[in-house]
Amino acid sequence: MAVTDRAEGVLYDPVKQQLLSDRKIKGLRDVPVITPTELDTTLETFVPNPVLDNYSAGTPRFITTADKDKTIVCSGGPTLRIPNDASSDSNGTFKVGTKVTIIQSGFNQLSIIAHGGSVLLSNNGYTSSFKTNGSNAVVELVYLGSNQWIISGDVTVFSSKSYAVTAAGGKYIFNGEGLTDSQAPALTFSKNQPIKLAVDASGHPFWIDTVQAAQASEANPGFAYISNHGTESGDMIIRFTETGSYYYNCGNHAAMGNTITVV
């Protein structure tokens, strides 16, 4: 037998325990879980649009990187150039307040330099070039306008050293960084510090090794990144990746070099 709920006008069969017609449910409202405005905000959170936010030109910039001998190598070298507004690199004028975050991968190191008239400002007042330090470094750049950027985070001043190296009297001769015609000086560098040697020593290939001997070393030793290793004439670029004691040697003659201490 069906029973009628007089208040709601609904038929109910107690034997089958079911309603014989729809019953109105009170106390609920049709409210969307996420409003359209909230949905837009949510999507912007997960899918940011740096093109619209950061570049008035509406075109993104891309920097191609590749891993080479534990150094991040950007197109043109291990350097990220921060351009001025007029530079072709910038692809348009940066908006004031633009914030760029650079995340370094692992122990790889990246140089960050001002380019084409732009200026990098830090709380130390340096305005030219920096390098990332430590592992997984995070660097932030904020644009102030007029080609000026504030740089902060895991960076230090880029302090490279450069020498001219020749040979005379059975010794390598160094000039530069306070040395004048110095015969086979003992050298001290910091780990990850960039070093440039302009070698002009025909017949005396310049090698760096863990032992002092008249022999060739490995072209790519595990303790340092070295380009043009063993050259007699040309530029050598060196960056020690491990602390310790090393030697620079002539591959053909003994006792031409001295020690290198990396701290």
Protein backbone atom coordinates (compact mmCIF):
# COMPACT_ATOMS: atom_id res chain seq x y z
CA MET A 1 0.00 0.00 0.00
CA ALA A 2 1.35 3.44 -0.93
CA VAL A 3 1.44 6.22 1.64
CA THR A 4 1.10 9.89 0.77
CA ASP A 5 3.29 12.49 2.47
CA ARG A 6 0.79 15.30 2.75
CA ALA A 7 3.40 17.97 3.37
CA GLU A 8 5.30 17.20 0.19
CA GLY A 9 2.70 15.36 -1.92
CA VAL A 10 5.04 12.39 -2.39
CA LEU A 11 3.93 8.74 -2.68
CA TYR A 12 6.01 6.16 -0.72
CA ASP A 13 5.69 2.36 -0.91
CA PRO A 14 6.78 0.91 2.51
CA VAL A 15 6.99 -2.65 1.13
CA LYS A 16 9.36 -1.78 -1.73
CA GLN A 17 10.88 1.01 0.36
CA GLN A 18 11.00 3.44 -2.49
CA LEU A 19 9.53 6.72 -3.56
CA LEU A 20 6.93 6.53 -6.28
CA SER A 21 7.56 10.12 -7.37
CA ASP A 22 10.31 12.72 -7.06
CA ARG A 23 10.69 14.27 -3.68
CA LYS A 24 11.79 17.82 -3.21
CA ILE A 25 14.93 18.20 -1.10
CA LYS A 26 15.14 21.35 0.97
CA GLY A 27 18.11 23.33 2.33
CA LEU A 28 20.55 23.03 -0.64
CA ARG A 29 21.64 25.69 -3.13
CA ASP A 30 23.21 25.31 -6.55
CA VAL A 31 26.66 26.85 -5.85
CA PRO A 32 29.65 26.25 -8.18
CA VAL A 33 32.70 24.78 -6.47
CA ILE A 34 35.00 27.27 -8.26
CA THR A 35 33.68 30.54 -9.59
CA PRO A 36 34.86 31.67 -13.05
CA THR A 37 37.08 34.33 -11.43
CA GLU A 38 38.66 31.80 -9.08
CA LEU A 39 39.17 29.39 -11.97
CA ASP A 40 41.03 32.03 -13.97
CA THR A 41 43.23 32.78 -10.98
CA THR A 42 43.93 29.08 -10.49
CA LEU A 43 44.92 28.60 -14.11
CA GLU A 44 47.20 31.65 -14.01
CA THR A 45 48.88 30.19 -10.94
CA PHE A 46 49.75 26.94 -12.67
CA VAL A 47 50.20 28.25 -16.21
CA PRO A 48 51.92 31.65 -16.00
CA ASN A 49 52.27 33.71 -19.14
CA PRO A 50 55.72 35.32 -19.01
CA VAL A 51 55.30 36.66 -22.53
CA LEU A 52 52.38 38.92 -21.62
CA ASP A 53 53.71 39.71 -18.15
CA ASN A 54 57.31 40.52 -18.98
CA TYR A 55 57.69 41.66 -22.57
CA SER A 56 55.81 44.46 -24.20
CA ALA A 57 56.92 43.09 -27.56
CA GLY A 58 54.87 39.98 -26.87
CA THR A 59 57.62 37.61 -28.01
CA PRO A 60 59.51 35.33 -25.60
CA ARG A 61 63.28 35.04 -25.51
CA PHE A 62 64.99 31.66 -25.46
CA ILE A 63 68.48 30.84 -24.24
CA THR A 64 69.87 27.52 -25.42
CA THR A 65 72.02 25.70 -22.90
CA ALA A 66 74.01 22.49 -22.95
CA ASP A 67 76.03 20.72 -20.28
CA LYS A 68 79.74 20.56 -21.07
CA ASP A 69 82.38 19.48 -18.56
CA LYS A 70 80.30 20.49 -15.54
CA THR A 71 79.73 24.01 -16.89
CA ILE A 72 76.45 25.41 -18.19
CA VAL A 73 77.32 26.60 -21.67
CA CYS A 74 74.90 29.15 -23.11
CA SER A 75 75.01 30.08 -26.77
CA GLY A 76 78.21 32.09 -27.09
CA GLY A 77 79.94 30.59 -24.03
CA PRO A 78 79.29 29.81 -20.33
CA THR A 79 77.69 33.22 -19.89
CA LEU A 80 74.19 34.63 -19.53
CA ARG A 81 74.14 38.16 -20.95
CA ILE A 82 71.65 40.64 -19.50
CA PRO A 83 70.91 43.02 -22.42
CA ASN A 84 69.82 46.62 -22.51
CA ASP A 85 66.47 47.61 -23.98
CA ALA A 86 67.90 48.57 -27.36
CA SER A 87 69.84 45.34 -27.79
CA SER A 88 68.66 42.83 -30.36
CA ASP A 89 69.04 40.21 -27.62
CA SER A 90 66.18 41.64 -25.55
CA ASN A 91 63.60 41.38 -28.32
CA GLY A 92 61.76 44.40 -26.95
CA THR A 93 61.66 46.64 -23.92
CA PHE A 94 61.43 45.01 -20.50
CA LYS A 95 58.65 46.28 -18.26
CA VAL A 96 59.66 47.93 -15.01
CA GLY A 97 59.26 45.35 -12.25
CA THR A 98 60.00 42.38 -14.51
CA LYS A 99 61.39 39.59 -12.34
CA VAL A 100 63.59 36.86 -13.79
CA THR A 101 64.55 33.81 -11.75
CA ILE A 102 67.60 31.78 -12.78
CA ILE A 103 67.94 28.28 -11.36
CA GLN A 104 71.35 26.65 -11.64
CA SER A 105 71.44 22.90 -12.21
CA GLY A 106 73.42 21.01 -9.57
CA PHE A 107 77.06 22.09 -9.29
CA ASN A 108 77.12 23.64 -12.75
CA GLN A 109 78.27 27.27 -12.76
CA LEU A 110 76.93 30.18 -14.75
CA SER A 111 78.41 33.64 -15.33
CA ILE A 112 75.96 36.55 -15.43
CA ILE A 113 77.21 39.75 -17.02
CA ALA A 114 75.82 43.15 -17.97
CA HIS A 115 75.83 43.60 -21.74
CA GLY A 116 75.41 46.46 -24.17
CA GLY A 117 75.19 49.23 -21.59
CA SER A 118 72.98 47.49 -19.03
CA VAL A 119 73.93 47.66 -15.34
CA LEU A 120 73.67 45.01 -12.62
CA LEU A 121 73.26 46.38 -9.10
CA SER A 122 73.77 44.42 -5.88
CA ASN A 123 73.93 45.37 -2.22
CA ASN A 124 77.72 45.33 -2.65
CA GLY A 125 77.48 47.98 -5.33
CA TYR A 126 79.07 45.92 -8.12
CA THR A 127 77.85 46.74 -11.58
CA SER A 128 79.49 44.42 -14.09
CA SER A 129 79.57 40.65 -13.74
CA PHE A 130 78.77 37.82 -11.34
CA LYS A 131 78.97 34.06 -11.08
CA THR A 132 76.67 31.59 -9.36
CA ASN A 133 78.07 29.83 -6.33
CA GLY A 134 77.29 26.64 -4.47
CA SER A 135 75.05 23.87 -5.75
CA ASN A 136 71.55 24.48 -7.14
CA ALA A 137 72.00 28.25 -6.89
CA VAL A 138 68.95 30.50 -7.34
CA VAL A 139 69.45 34.02 -8.68
CA GLU A 140 66.81 36.74 -9.06
CA LEU A 141 66.90 39.75 -11.36
CA VAL A 142 64.43 42.64 -11.03
CA TYR A 143 64.26 45.35 -13.70
CA LEU A 144 64.30 48.95 -12.42
CA GLY A 145 64.09 50.64 -15.80
CA SER A 146 66.75 52.66 -17.67
CA ASN A 147 68.71 49.44 -18.34
CA GLN A 148 69.30 48.80 -14.63
CA TRP A 149 68.71 45.47 -12.88
CA ILE A 150 68.95 44.45 -9.22
CA ILE A 151 70.65 41.07 -8.85
CA SER A 152 70.37 38.99 -5.68
CA GLY A 153 70.62 35.39 -4.52
CA ASP A 154 73.42 32.84 -4.73
CA VAL A 155 75.95 34.95 -6.65
CA THR A 156 79.41 36.35 -6.03
CA VAL A 157 81.50 38.85 -7.92
CA PHE A 158 83.04 37.32 -11.01
CA SER A 159 86.77 37.51 -10.22
CA SER A 160 88.82 36.06 -13.06
CA LYS A 161 92.60 36.10 -13.47
CA SER A 162 94.55 36.53 -16.67
CA TYR A 163 98.25 36.02 -17.42
CA ALA A 164 100.58 36.19 -20.40
CA VAL A 165 102.92 33.18 -20.35
CA THR A 166 106.18 32.95 -22.28
CA ALA A 167 109.36 30.86 -21.85
CA ALA A 168 112.97 31.90 -21.30
CA GLY A 169 116.02 30.54 -19.47
CA GLY A 170 114.41 27.15 -18.93
CA LYS A 171 111.43 28.63 -17.07
CA TYR A 172 107.90 29.76 -17.81
CA ILE A 173 107.64 33.57 -17.47
CA PHE A 174 104.40 35.09 -16.13
CA ASN A 175 103.11 38.63 -16.57
CA GLY A 176 99.84 40.00 -15.24
CA GLU A 177 97.86 40.07 -11.98
CA GLY A 178 100.74 41.81 -10.21
CA LEU A 179 103.49 39.65 -11.73
CA THR A 180 106.17 41.16 -13.98
CA ASP A 181 108.56 38.80 -15.77
CA SER A 182 108.14 36.36 -12.89
CA GLN A 183 110.04 33.10 -13.42
CA ALA A 184 107.92 30.02 -12.67
CA PRO A 185 105.96 31.54 -9.78
CA ALA A 186 103.90 29.44 -7.37
CA LEU A 187 100.23 30.18 -8.06
CA THR A 188 97.13 30.14 -5.86
CA PHE A 189 93.55 30.12 -7.14
CA SER A 190 90.08 29.55 -5.77
CA LYS A 191 87.91 26.63 -6.74
CA ASN A 192 85.74 27.53 -9.77
CA GLN A 193 87.71 30.75 -10.38
CA PRO A 194 88.10 31.45 -14.12
CA ILE A 195 91.72 31.68 -15.28
CA LYS A 196 93.03 32.67 -18.69
CA LEU A 197 96.60 31.96 -19.84
CA ALA A 198 97.73 33.56 -23.08
CA VAL A 199 100.55 31.14 -23.89
CA ASP A 200 103.31 32.08 -26.33
CA ALA A 201 106.05 29.49 -25.72
CA SER A 202 106.99 27.62 -28.87
CA GLY A 203 108.41 24.18 -28.11
CA HIS A 204 107.10 24.23 -24.53
CA PRO A 205 103.61 22.72 -24.33
CA PHE A 206 101.89 23.91 -21.14
CA TRP A 207 100.31 21.13 -19.07
CA ILE A 208 98.67 20.97 -15.63
CA ASP A 209 98.95 17.75 -13.66
CA THR A 210 98.88 16.19 -10.20
CA VAL A 211 102.62 15.38 -10.47
CA GLN A 212 105.62 17.45 -11.43
CA ALA A 213 107.15 15.82 -14.50
CA ALA A 214 108.09 16.57 -18.10
CA GLN A 215 105.12 14.76 -19.59
CA ALA A 216 101.77 15.40 -21.16
CA SER A 217 98.72 15.34 -18.91
CA GLU A 218 95.15 14.38 -19.78
CA ALA A 219 93.41 16.75 -22.16
CA ASN A 220 90.37 16.76 -19.85
CA PRO A 221 91.53 15.95 -16.31
CA GLY A 222 88.91 15.24 -13.68
CA PHE A 223 90.07 18.02 -11.36
CA ALA A 224 89.54 20.95 -13.75
CA TYR A 225 87.88 22.19 -16.89
CA ILE A 226 90.70 23.17 -19.27
CA SER A 227 90.35 24.26 -22.87
CA ASN A 228 93.33 24.06 -25.25
CA HIS A 229 95.29 22.03 -22.70
CA GLY A 230 98.94 21.49 -23.67
CA THR A 231 99.12 24.43 -26.05
CA GLU A 232 102.40 26.08 -27.02
CA SER A 233 100.69 29.08 -28.56
CA GLY A 234 97.14 30.15 -27.79
CA ASP A 235 94.71 30.85 -24.98
CA MET A 236 94.05 28.32 -22.23
CA ILE A 237 90.89 28.73 -20.17
CA ILE A 238 91.02 26.94 -16.82
CA ARG A 239 88.55 26.41 -13.99
CA PHE A 240 89.53 24.07 -11.17
CA THR A 241 86.58 22.04 -9.91
CA GLU A 242 88.45 20.47 -6.99
CA THR A 243 90.67 21.93 -4.27
CA GLY A 244 94.18 20.54 -3.83
CA SER A 245 97.80 20.82 -4.96
CA TYR A 246 98.70 20.68 -8.64
CA TYR A 247 101.64 21.49 -10.94
CA TYR A 248 102.12 23.28 -14.23
CA ASN A 249 104.78 21.62 -16.38
CA CYS A 250 106.40 21.74 -19.79
CA GLY A 251 105.66 18.54 -21.61
CA ASN A 252 109.20 18.48 -23.04
CA HIS A 253 111.44 19.86 -20.31
CA ALA A 254 111.67 19.37 -16.55
CA ALA A 255 111.73 22.13 -13.91
CA MET A 256 110.10 24.82 -16.06
CA GLY A 257 107.01 25.13 -13.86
CA ASN A 258 105.90 25.24 -10.24
CA THR A 259 102.99 24.49 -7.92
CA ILE A 260 99.33 25.51 -8.18
CA THR A 261 97.35 25.55 -4.95
CA VAL A 262 93.55 25.55 -5.24
CA VAL A 263 91.58 26.53 -2.14
